[in-house]
């Protein structure tokens, strides 16, 4: 395991020491966990940004946007049909109104 030296403000160091005391963990464990969570967060944020950029590019292309909408509608229909099959298999009438 690599060693890293960091400087913390007195306030953060006090809070870290208090959290270590409360949780009966070492400061190193807490810092390791925090860095790991931060890196995971940043990776997810980059992935979401890439997905947004891809969605913008597709939306800017009318043919791609149309194909995307058709795919989404097909997926929605498949999902709704699977729910109906599950309701029938469970002995429910999918045409019955649940609010009646």
PDB file of N, CA and C in Angstrom:
ATOM      1  N   UNK A   1       0.847  -1.168   0.000  1.00  0.00           N
ATOM      2  CA  UNK A   1       0.000   0.000   0.000  1.00  0.00           C
ATOM      3  C   UNK A   1       0.899   1.239   0.000  1.00  0.00           C
ATOM      4  N   UNK A   2       0.547   2.225  -0.815  1.00  0.00           N
ATOM      5  CA  UNK A   2       1.349   3.445  -0.924  1.00  0.00           C
ATOM      6  C   UNK A   2       1.067   4.390   0.245  1.00  0.00           C
ATOM      7  N   UNK A   3       2.068   5.144   0.607  1.00  0.00           N
ATOM      8  CA  UNK A   3       1.911   6.182   1.625  1.00  0.00           C
ATOM      9  C   UNK A   3       1.780   7.523   0.929  1.00  0.00           C
ATOM     10  N   UNK A   4       0.855   8.339   1.404  1.00  0.00           N
ATOM     11  CA  UNK A   4       0.648   9.679   0.871  1.00  0.00           C
ATOM     12  C   UNK A   4       0.601  10.634   2.056  1.00  0.00           C
ATOM     13  N   UNK A   5       1.237  11.755   1.899  1.00  0.00           N
ATOM     14  CA  UNK A   5       1.211  12.763   2.947  1.00  0.00           C
ATOM     15  C   UNK A   5       0.304  13.901   2.488  1.00  0.00           C
ATOM     16  N   UNK A   6      -0.642  14.296   3.336  1.00  0.00           N
ATOM     17  CA  UNK A   6      -1.542  15.401   2.995  1.00  0.00           C
ATOM     18  C   UNK A   6      -1.568  16.396   4.151  1.00  0.00           C
ATOM     19  N   UNK A   7      -1.951  17.608   3.827  1.00  0.00           N
ATOM     20  CA  UNK A   7      -2.113  18.639   4.850  1.00  0.00           C
ATOM     21  C   UNK A   7      -3.611  18.917   4.984  1.00  0.00           C
ATOM     22  N   UNK A   8      -4.074  18.932   6.215  1.00  0.00           N
ATOM     23  CA  UNK A   8      -5.479  19.203   6.508  1.00  0.00           C
ATOM     24  C   UNK A   8      -5.574  20.455   7.356  1.00  0.00           C
ATOM     25  N   UNK A   9      -6.660  21.178   7.161  1.00  0.00           N
ATOM     26  CA  UNK A   9      -6.891  22.332   8.031  1.00  0.00           C
ATOM     27  C   UNK A   9      -7.147  21.806   9.443  1.00  0.00           C
ATOM     28  N   UNK A  10      -6.883  22.620  10.452  1.00  0.00           N
ATOM     29  CA  UNK A  10      -7.132  22.166  11.827  1.00  0.00           C
ATOM     30  C   UNK A  10      -8.581  21.704  12.038  1.00  0.00           C
ATOM     31  N   UNK A  11      -9.519  22.393  11.413  1.00  0.00           N
ATOM     32  CA  UNK A  11     -10.932  22.018  11.583  1.00  0.00           C
ATOM     33  C   UNK A  11     -11.204  20.632  11.006  1.00  0.00           C
ATOM     34  N   UNK A  12     -10.716  20.378   9.790  1.00  0.00           N
ATOM     35  CA  UNK A  12     -10.942  19.067   9.175  1.00  0.00           C
ATOM     36  C   UNK A  12     -10.235  17.979   9.975  1.00  0.00           C
ATOM     37  N   UNK A  13      -9.034  18.263  10.453  1.00  0.00           N
ATOM     38  CA  UNK A  13      -8.304  17.269  11.246  1.00  0.00           C
ATOM     39  C   UNK A  13      -9.060  16.951  12.529  1.00  0.00           C
ATOM     40  N   UNK A  14      -9.646  17.963  13.181  1.00  0.00           N
ATOM     41  CA  UNK A  14     -10.447  17.734  14.393  1.00  0.00           C
ATOM     42  C   UNK A  14     -11.669  16.865  14.072  1.00  0.00           C
ATOM     43  N   UNK A  15     -12.347  17.190  12.979  1.00  0.00           N
ATOM     44  CA  UNK A  15     -13.532  16.415  12.595  1.00  0.00           C
ATOM     45  C   UNK A  15     -13.157  14.976  12.243  1.00  0.00           C
ATOM     46  N   UNK A  16     -12.031  14.814  11.559  1.00  0.00           N
ATOM     47  CA  UNK A  16     -11.556  13.479  11.211  1.00  0.00           C
ATOM     48  C   UNK A  16     -11.217  12.683  12.474  1.00  0.00           C
ATOM     49  N   UNK A  17     -10.516  13.305  13.398  1.00  0.00           N
ATOM     50  CA  UNK A  17     -10.162  12.640  14.651  1.00  0.00           C
ATOM     51  C   UNK A  17     -11.422  12.264  15.431  1.00  0.00           C
ATOM     52  N   UNK A  18     -12.411  13.139  15.454  1.00  0.00           N
ATOM     53  CA  UNK A  18     -13.666  12.861  16.169  1.00  0.00           C
ATOM     54  C   UNK A  18     -14.410  11.700  15.509  1.00  0.00           C
ATOM     55  N   UNK A  19     -14.460  11.700  14.183  1.00  0.00           N
ATOM     56  CA  UNK A  19     -15.130  10.602  13.474  1.00  0.00           C
ATOM     57  C   UNK A  19     -14.403   9.286  13.727  1.00  0.00           C
ATOM     58  N   UNK A  20     -13.091   9.320  13.741  1.00  0.00           N
ATOM     59  CA  UNK A  20     -12.315   8.113  14.030  1.00  0.00           C
ATOM     60  C   UNK A  20     -12.629   7.602  15.436  1.00  0.00           C
ATOM     61  N   UNK A  21     -12.727   8.523  16.391  1.00  0.00           N
ATOM     62  CA  UNK A  21     -13.034   8.135  17.760  1.00  0.00           C
ATOM     63  C   UNK A  21     -14.429   7.521  17.861  1.00  0.00           C
ATOM     64  N   UNK A  22     -15.410   8.182  17.236  1.00  0.00           N
ATOM     65  CA  UNK A  22     -16.806   7.728  17.309  1.00  0.00           C
ATOM     66  C   UNK A  22     -16.973   6.361  16.655  1.00  0.00           C
ATOM     67  N   UNK A  23     -16.324   6.158  15.534  1.00  0.00           N
ATOM     68  CA  UNK A  23     -16.506   4.920  14.770  1.00  0.00           C
ATOM     69  C   UNK A  23     -15.482   3.846  15.120  1.00  0.00           C
ATOM     70  N   UNK A  24     -14.542   4.174  15.982  1.00  0.00           N
ATOM     71  CA  UNK A  24     -13.479   3.238  16.373  1.00  0.00           C
ATOM     72  C   UNK A  24     -12.704   2.749  15.152  1.00  0.00           C
ATOM     73  N   UNK A  25     -12.427   3.676  14.272  1.00  0.00           N
ATOM     74  CA  UNK A  25     -11.635   3.378  13.077  1.00  0.00           C
ATOM     75  C   UNK A  25     -10.439   4.312  13.066  1.00  0.00           C
ATOM     76  N   UNK A  26      -9.457   3.966  12.245  1.00  0.00           N
ATOM     77  CA  UNK A  26      -8.289   4.843  12.159  1.00  0.00           C
ATOM     78  C   UNK A  26      -8.578   5.988  11.202  1.00  0.00           C
ATOM     79  N   UNK A  27      -7.834   7.056  11.375  1.00  0.00           N
ATOM     80  CA  UNK A  27      -7.967   8.186  10.452  1.00  0.00           C
ATOM     81  C   UNK A  27      -7.608   7.734   9.042  1.00  0.00           C
ATOM     82  N   UNK A  28      -6.594   6.893   8.922  1.00  0.00           N
ATOM     83  CA  UNK A  28      -6.199   6.386   7.604  1.00  0.00           C
ATOM     84  C   UNK A  28      -7.334   5.621   6.942  1.00  0.00           C
ATOM     85  N   UNK A  29      -8.037   4.790   7.722  1.00  0.00           N
ATOM     86  CA  UNK A  29      -9.182   4.054   7.158  1.00  0.00           C
ATOM     87  C   UNK A  29     -10.239   5.017   6.631  1.00  0.00           C
ATOM     88  N   UNK A  30     -10.525   6.052   7.411  1.00  0.00           N
ATOM     89  CA  UNK A  30     -11.546   7.017   6.996  1.00  0.00           C
ATOM     90  C   UNK A  30     -11.121   7.780   5.748  1.00  0.00           C
ATOM     91  N   UNK A  31      -9.863   8.184   5.692  1.00  0.00           N
ATOM     92  CA  UNK A  31      -9.368   8.913   4.519  1.00  0.00           C
ATOM     93  C   UNK A  31      -9.377   7.998   3.297  1.00  0.00           C
ATOM     94  N   UNK A  32      -8.939   6.734   3.471  1.00  0.00           N
ATOM     95  CA  UNK A  32      -8.957   5.779   2.362  1.00  0.00           C
ATOM     96  C   UNK A  32     -10.370   5.610   1.813  1.00  0.00           C
ATOM     97  N   UNK A  33     -11.334   5.454   2.731  1.00  0.00           N
ATOM     98  CA  UNK A  33     -12.734   5.300   2.324  1.00  0.00           C
ATOM     99  C   UNK A  33     -13.227   6.545   1.587  1.00  0.00           C
ATOM    100  N   UNK A  34     -12.902   7.720   2.125  1.00  0.00           N
ATOM    101  CA  UNK A  34     -13.356   8.972   1.505  1.00  0.00           C
ATOM    102  C   UNK A  34     -12.761   9.144   0.110  1.00  0.00           C
ATOM    103  N   UNK A  35     -11.493   8.837  -0.053  1.00  0.00           N
ATOM    104  CA  UNK A  35     -10.855   8.960  -1.369  1.00  0.00           C
ATOM    105  C   UNK A  35     -11.480   7.968  -2.338  1.00  0.00           C
ATOM    106  N   UNK A  36     -11.714   6.745  -1.888  1.00  0.00           N
ATOM    107  CA  UNK A  36     -12.353   5.744  -2.747  1.00  0.00           C
ATOM    108  C   UNK A  36     -13.741   6.180  -3.194  1.00  0.00           C
ATOM    109  N   UNK A  37     -14.533   6.724  -2.262  1.00  0.00           N
ATOM    110  CA  UNK A  37     -15.875   7.198  -2.615  1.00  0.00           C
ATOM    111  C   UNK A  37     -15.803   8.376  -3.577  1.00  0.00           C
ATOM    112  N   UNK A  38     -14.851   9.263  -3.367  1.00  0.00           N
ATOM    113  CA  UNK A  38     -14.683  10.415  -4.262  1.00  0.00           C
ATOM    114  C   UNK A  38     -14.329   9.953  -5.668  1.00  0.00           C
ATOM    115  N   UNK A  39     -13.405   9.007  -5.785  1.00  0.00           N
ATOM    116  CA  UNK A  39     -13.000   8.529  -7.112  1.00  0.00           C
ATOM    117  C   UNK A  39     -14.153   7.828  -7.816  1.00  0.00           C
ATOM    118  N   UNK A  40     -14.936   7.052  -7.084  1.00  0.00           N
ATOM    119  CA  UNK A  40     -16.113   6.409  -7.665  1.00  0.00           C
ATOM    120  C   UNK A  40     -17.104   7.463  -8.154  1.00  0.00           C
ATOM    121  N   UNK A  41     -17.334   8.482  -7.338  1.00  0.00           N
ATOM    122  CA  UNK A  41     -18.236   9.575  -7.714  1.00  0.00           C
ATOM    123  C   UNK A  41     -17.758  10.253  -9.002  1.00  0.00           C
ATOM    124  N   UNK A  42     -16.465  10.553  -9.085  1.00  0.00           N
ATOM    125  CA  UNK A  42     -15.928  11.227 -10.272  1.00  0.00           C
ATOM    126  C   UNK A  42     -16.044  10.349 -11.512  1.00  0.00           C
ATOM    127  N   UNK A  43     -15.820   9.053 -11.384  1.00  0.00           N
ATOM    128  CA  UNK A  43     -15.954   8.142 -12.521  1.00  0.00           C
ATOM    129  C   UNK A  43     -17.399   8.114 -13.015  1.00  0.00           C
ATOM    130  N   UNK A  44     -18.339   8.036 -12.080  1.00  0.00           N
ATOM    131  CA  UNK A  44     -19.757   8.044 -12.461  1.00  0.00           C
ATOM    132  C   UNK A  44     -20.129   9.367 -13.117  1.00  0.00           C
ATOM    133  N   UNK A  45     -19.635  10.471 -12.587  1.00  0.00           N
ATOM    134  CA  UNK A  45     -19.941  11.790 -13.157  1.00  0.00           C
ATOM    135  C   UNK A  45     -19.408  11.885 -14.581  1.00  0.00           C
ATOM    136  N   UNK A  46     -18.196  11.362 -14.827  1.00  0.00           N
ATOM    137  CA  UNK A  46     -17.645  11.389 -16.195  1.00  0.00           C
ATOM    138  C   UNK A  46     -18.477  10.529 -17.137  1.00  0.00           C
ATOM    139  N   UNK A  47     -18.942   9.375 -16.645  1.00  0.00           N
ATOM    140  CA  UNK A  47     -19.762   8.501 -17.475  1.00  0.00           C
ATOM    141  C   UNK A  47     -21.088   9.185 -17.819  1.00  0.00           C
ATOM    142  N   UNK A  48     -21.706   9.826 -16.847  1.00  0.00           N
ATOM    143  CA  UNK A  48     -22.970  10.533 -17.083  1.00  0.00           C
ATOM    144  C   UNK A  48     -22.754  11.679 -18.059  1.00  0.00           C
ATOM    145  N   UNK A  49     -21.661  12.410 -17.923  1.00  0.00           N
ATOM    146  CA  UNK A  49     -21.359  13.490 -18.865  1.00  0.00           C
ATOM    147  C   UNK A  49     -21.195  12.947 -20.279  1.00  0.00           C
ATOM    148  N   UNK A  50     -20.521  11.810 -20.422  1.00  0.00           N
ATOM    149  CA  UNK A  50     -20.339  11.208 -21.743  1.00  0.00           C
ATOM    150  C   UNK A  50     -21.680  10.765 -22.324  1.00  0.00           C
ATOM    151  N   UNK A  51     -22.551  10.230 -21.473  1.00  0.00           N
ATOM    152  CA  UNK A  51     -23.877   9.813 -21.943  1.00  0.00           C
ATOM    153  C   UNK A  51     -24.702  11.017 -22.372  1.00  0.00           C
ATOM    154  N   UNK A  52     -24.605  12.105 -21.613  1.00  0.00           N
ATOM    155  CA  UNK A  52     -25.331  13.325 -21.988  1.00  0.00           C
ATOM    156  C   UNK A  52     -24.840  13.859 -23.329  1.00  0.00           C
ATOM    157  N   UNK A  53     -23.528  13.855 -23.509  1.00  0.00           N
ATOM    158  CA  UNK A  53     -22.955  14.346 -24.765  1.00  0.00           C
ATOM    159  C   UNK A  53     -23.404  13.473 -25.933  1.00  0.00           C
ATOM    160  N   UNK A  54     -23.419  12.166 -25.729  1.00  0.00           N
ATOM    161  CA  UNK A  54     -23.877  11.254 -26.782  1.00  0.00           C
ATOM    162  C   UNK A  54     -25.358  11.494 -27.079  1.00  0.00           C
ATOM    163  N   UNK A  55     -26.155  11.724 -26.044  1.00  0.00           N
ATOM    164  CA  UNK A  55     -27.585  11.989 -26.242  1.00  0.00           C
ATOM    165  C   UNK A  55     -27.783  13.284 -27.012  1.00  0.00           C
ATOM    166  N   UNK A  56     -26.992  14.318 -26.680  1.00  0.00           N
ATOM    167  CA  UNK A  56     -27.095  15.586 -27.418  1.00  0.00           C
ATOM    168  C   UNK A  56     -26.749  15.392 -28.885  1.00  0.00           C
ATOM    169  N   UNK A  57     -25.695  14.625 -29.147  1.00  0.00           N
ATOM    170  CA  UNK A  57     -25.278  14.372 -30.537  1.00  0.00           C
ATOM    171  C   UNK A  57     -26.369  13.617 -31.281  1.00  0.00           C
ATOM    172  N   UNK A  58     -26.973  12.622 -30.627  1.00  0.00           N
ATOM    173  CA  UNK A  58     -28.043  11.873 -31.281  1.00  0.00           C
ATOM    174  C   UNK A  58     -29.266  12.752 -31.512  1.00  0.00           C
ATOM    175  N   UNK A  59     -29.591  13.580 -30.543  1.00  0.00           N
ATOM    176  CA  UNK A  59     -30.755  14.449 -30.664  1.00  0.00           C
ATOM    177  C   UNK A  59     -30.569  15.454 -31.799  1.00  0.00           C
ATOM    178  N   UNK A  60     -29.333  15.863 -32.039  1.00  0.00           N
ATOM    179  CA  UNK A  60     -29.059  16.825 -33.098  1.00  0.00           C
ATOM    180  C   UNK A  60     -29.206  16.202 -34.481  1.00  0.00           C
ATOM    181  N   UNK A  61     -29.186  14.897 -34.553  1.00  0.00           N
ATOM    182  CA  UNK A  61     -29.344  14.184 -35.819  1.00  0.00           C
ATOM    183  C   UNK A  61     -30.784  13.693 -35.910  1.00  0.00           C
ATOM    184  N   UNK A  62     -31.604  14.283 -36.793  1.00  0.00           N
ATOM    185  CA  UNK A  62     -33.028  13.921 -36.845  1.00  0.00           C
ATOM    186  C   UNK A  62     -33.272  12.431 -37.081  1.00  0.00           C
ATOM    187  N   UNK A  63     -32.484  11.800 -37.945  1.00  0.00           N
ATOM    188  CA  UNK A  63     -32.677  10.369 -38.200  1.00  0.00           C
ATOM    189  C   UNK A  63     -32.375   9.551 -36.946  1.00  0.00           C
ATOM    190  N   UNK A  64     -31.303   9.905 -36.262  1.00  0.00           N
ATOM    191  CA  UNK A  64     -30.937   9.195 -35.043  1.00  0.00           C
ATOM    192  C   UNK A  64     -31.975   9.434 -33.952  1.00  0.00           C
ATOM    193  N   UNK A  65     -32.473  10.659 -33.847  1.00  0.00           N
ATOM    194  CA  UNK A  65     -33.498  10.971 -32.843  1.00  0.00           C
ATOM    195  C   UNK A  65     -34.756  10.160 -33.108  1.00  0.00           C
ATOM    196  N   UNK A  66     -35.157  10.083 -34.358  1.00  0.00           N
ATOM    197  CA  UNK A  66     -36.347   9.314 -34.722  1.00  0.00           C
ATOM    198  C   UNK A  66     -36.152   7.828 -34.386  1.00  0.00           C
ATOM    199  N   UNK A  67     -34.987   7.297 -34.710  1.00  0.00           N
ATOM    200  CA  UNK A  67     -34.694   5.896 -34.412  1.00  0.00           C
ATOM    201  C   UNK A  67     -34.680   5.664 -32.900  1.00  0.00           C
ATOM    202  N   UNK A  68     -34.148   6.602 -32.156  1.00  0.00           N
ATOM    203  CA  UNK A  68     -34.120   6.477 -30.706  1.00  0.00           C
ATOM    204  C   UNK A  68     -35.516   6.468 -30.112  1.00  0.00           C
ATOM    205  N   UNK A  69     -36.371   7.330 -30.626  1.00  0.00           N
ATOM    206  CA  UNK A  69     -37.759   7.381 -30.144  1.00  0.00           C
ATOM    207  C   UNK A  69     -38.467   6.068 -30.461  1.00  0.00           C
ATOM    208  N   UNK A  70     -38.262   5.539 -31.670  1.00  0.00           N
ATOM    209  CA  UNK A  70     -38.887   4.273 -32.050  1.00  0.00           C
ATOM    210  C   UNK A  70     -38.405   3.139 -31.147  1.00  0.00           C
ATOM    211  N   UNK A  71     -37.125   3.111 -30.862  1.00  0.00           N
ATOM    212  CA  UNK A  71     -36.571   2.080 -29.984  1.00  0.00           C
ATOM    213  C   UNK A  71     -37.170   2.196 -28.587  1.00  0.00           C
ATOM    214  N   UNK A  72     -37.282   3.418 -28.079  1.00  0.00           N
ATOM    215  CA  UNK A  72     -37.864   3.634 -26.750  1.00  0.00           C
ATOM    216  C   UNK A  72     -39.327   3.195 -26.731  1.00  0.00           C
ATOM    217  N   UNK A  73     -40.073   3.529 -27.778  1.00  0.00           N
ATOM    218  CA  UNK A  73     -41.480   3.136 -27.826  1.00  0.00           C
ATOM    219  C   UNK A  73     -41.622   1.625 -27.893  1.00  0.00           C
ATOM    220  N   UNK A  74     -40.761   0.960 -28.675  1.00  0.00           N
ATOM    221  CA  UNK A  74     -40.793  -0.506 -28.740  1.00  0.00           C
ATOM    222  C   UNK A  74     -40.490  -1.097 -27.370  1.00  0.00           C
ATOM    223  N   UNK A  75     -39.497  -0.542 -26.694  1.00  0.00           N
ATOM    224  CA  UNK A  75     -39.136  -1.032 -25.367  1.00  0.00           C
ATOM    225  C   UNK A  75     -40.262  -0.837 -24.375  1.00  0.00           C
ATOM    226  N   UNK A  76     -40.948   0.299 -24.467  1.00  0.00           N
ATOM    227  CA  UNK A  76     -42.074   0.565 -23.585  1.00  0.00           C
ATOM    228  C   UNK A  76     -43.190  -0.443 -23.829  1.00  0.00           C
ATOM    229  N   UNK A  77     -43.488  -0.706 -25.096  1.00  0.00           N
ATOM    230  CA  UNK A  77     -44.529  -1.684 -25.406  1.00  0.00           C
ATOM    231  C   UNK A  77     -44.161  -3.061 -24.874  1.00  0.00           C
ATOM    232  N   UNK A  78     -42.905  -3.466 -25.055  1.00  0.00           N
ATOM    233  CA  UNK A  78     -42.452  -4.766 -24.541  1.00  0.00           C
ATOM    234  C   UNK A  78     -42.614  -4.823 -23.024  1.00  0.00           C
ATOM    235  N   UNK A  79     -42.262  -3.740 -22.346  1.00  0.00           N
ATOM    236  CA  UNK A  79     -42.351  -3.691 -20.888  1.00  0.00           C
ATOM    237  C   UNK A  79     -43.804  -3.793 -20.439  1.00  0.00           C
ATOM    238  N   UNK A  80     -44.683  -3.025 -21.093  1.00  0.00           N
ATOM    239  CA  UNK A  80     -46.101  -3.068 -20.722  1.00  0.00           C
ATOM    240  C   UNK A  80     -46.689  -4.449 -20.970  1.00  0.00           C
ATOM    241  N   UNK A  81     -46.309  -5.091 -22.068  1.00  0.00           N
ATOM    242  CA  UNK A  81     -46.803  -6.435 -22.347  1.00  0.00           C
ATOM    243  C   UNK A  81     -46.292  -7.441 -21.323  1.00  0.00           C
ATOM    244  N   UNK A  82     -45.054  -7.267 -20.862  1.00  0.00           N
ATOM    245  CA  UNK A  82     -44.520  -8.184 -19.851  1.00  0.00           C
ATOM    246  C   UNK A  82     -45.278  -8.018 -18.535  1.00  0.00           C
ATOM    247  N   UNK A  83     -45.659  -6.793 -18.196  1.00  0.00           N
ATOM    248  CA  UNK A  83     -46.457  -6.563 -16.986  1.00  0.00           C
ATOM    249  C   UNK A  83     -47.812  -7.255 -17.127  1.00  0.00           C
ATOM    250  N   UNK A  84     -48.417  -7.116 -18.295  1.00  0.00           N
ATOM    251  CA  UNK A  84     -49.711  -7.753 -18.524  1.00  0.00           C
ATOM    252  C   UNK A  84     -49.594  -9.274 -18.408  1.00  0.00           C
ATOM    253  N   UNK A  85     -48.533  -9.866 -18.963  1.00  0.00           N
ATOM    254  CA  UNK A  85     -48.329 -11.312 -18.851  1.00  0.00           C
ATOM    255  C   UNK A  85     -48.160 -11.719 -17.387  1.00  0.00           C
ATOM    256  N   UNK A  86     -47.401 -10.928 -16.629  1.00  0.00           N
ATOM    257  CA  UNK A  86     -47.193 -11.233 -15.216  1.00  0.00           C
ATOM    258  C   UNK A  86     -48.502 -11.148 -14.439  1.00  0.00           C
ATOM    259  N   UNK A  87     -49.335 -10.150 -14.757  1.00  0.00           N
ATOM    260  CA  UNK A  87     -50.621 -10.019 -14.071  1.00  0.00           C
ATOM    261  C   UNK A  87     -51.513 -11.208 -14.392  1.00  0.00           C
ATOM    262  N   UNK A  88     -51.550 -11.605 -15.647  1.00  0.00           N
ATOM    263  CA  UNK A  88     -52.383 -12.759 -16.032  1.00  0.00           C
ATOM    264  C   UNK A  88     -51.870 -14.021 -15.339  1.00  0.00           C
ATOM    265  N   UNK A  89     -50.558 -14.202 -15.300  1.00  0.00           N
ATOM    266  CA  UNK A  89     -49.974 -15.387 -14.652  1.00  0.00           C
ATOM    267  C   UNK A  89     -50.285 -15.402 -13.162  1.00  0.00           C
ATOM    268  N   UNK A  90     -50.451 -14.233 -12.555  1.00  0.00           N
ATOM    269  CA  UNK A  90     -50.771 -14.140 -11.131  1.00  0.00           C
ATOM    270  C   UNK A  90     -52.280 -14.214 -10.881  1.00  0.00           C
ATOM    271  N   UNK A  91     -53.056 -14.427 -11.950  1.00  0.00           N
ATOM    272  CA  UNK A  91     -54.501 -14.538 -11.793  1.00  0.00           C
ATOM    273  C   UNK A  91     -55.216 -13.209 -11.740  1.00  0.00           C
ATOM    274  N   UNK A  92     -54.554 -12.157 -12.138  1.00  0.00           N
ATOM    275  CA  UNK A  92     -55.168 -10.826 -12.131  1.00  0.00           C
ATOM    276  C   UNK A  92     -55.708 -10.515 -13.520  1.00  0.00           C
ATOM    277  N   UNK A  93     -56.724  -9.689 -13.556  1.00  0.00           N
ATOM    278  CA  UNK A  93     -57.261  -9.216 -14.825  1.00  0.00           C
ATOM    279  C   UNK A  93     -56.591  -7.875 -15.140  1.00  0.00           C
ATOM    280  N   UNK A  94     -55.696  -7.847 -16.154  1.00  0.00           N
ATOM    281  CA  UNK A  94     -55.003  -6.597 -16.451  1.00  0.00           C
ATOM    282  C   UNK A  94     -55.933  -5.485 -16.928  1.00  0.00           C
ATOM    283  N   UNK A  95     -57.137  -5.849 -17.352  1.00  0.00           N
ATOM    284  CA  UNK A  95     -58.078  -4.840 -17.810  1.00  0.00           C
ATOM    285  C   UNK A  95     -58.892  -4.245 -16.657  1.00  0.00           C
ATOM    286  N   UNK A  96     -58.849  -4.887 -15.485  1.00  0.00           N
ATOM    287  CA  UNK A  96     -59.584  -4.370 -14.323  1.00  0.00           C
ATOM    288  C   UNK A  96     -58.893  -3.106 -13.834  1.00  0.00           C
ATOM    289  N   UNK A  97     -59.669  -2.132 -13.460  1.00  0.00           N
ATOM    290  CA  UNK A  97     -59.124  -0.858 -12.983  1.00  0.00           C
ATOM    291  C   UNK A  97     -58.825  -0.985 -11.503  1.00  0.00           C
ATOM    292  N   UNK A  98     -57.592  -0.722 -11.118  1.00  0.00           N
ATOM    293  CA  UNK A  98     -57.189  -0.871  -9.724  1.00  0.00           C
ATOM    294  C   UNK A  98     -57.818   0.184  -8.835  1.00  0.00           C
ATOM    295  N   UNK A  99     -58.304   1.267  -9.423  1.00  0.00           N
ATOM    296  CA  UNK A  99     -58.867   2.328  -8.604  1.00  0.00           C
ATOM    297  C   UNK A  99     -60.359   2.173  -8.359  1.00  0.00           C
ATOM    298  N   UNK A 100     -60.958   1.154  -8.985  1.00  0.00           N
ATOM    299  CA  UNK A 100     -62.397   0.908  -8.763  1.00  0.00           C
ATOM    300  C   UNK A 100     -62.628   0.205  -7.445  1.00  0.00           C
TER     301      UNK A 100
END
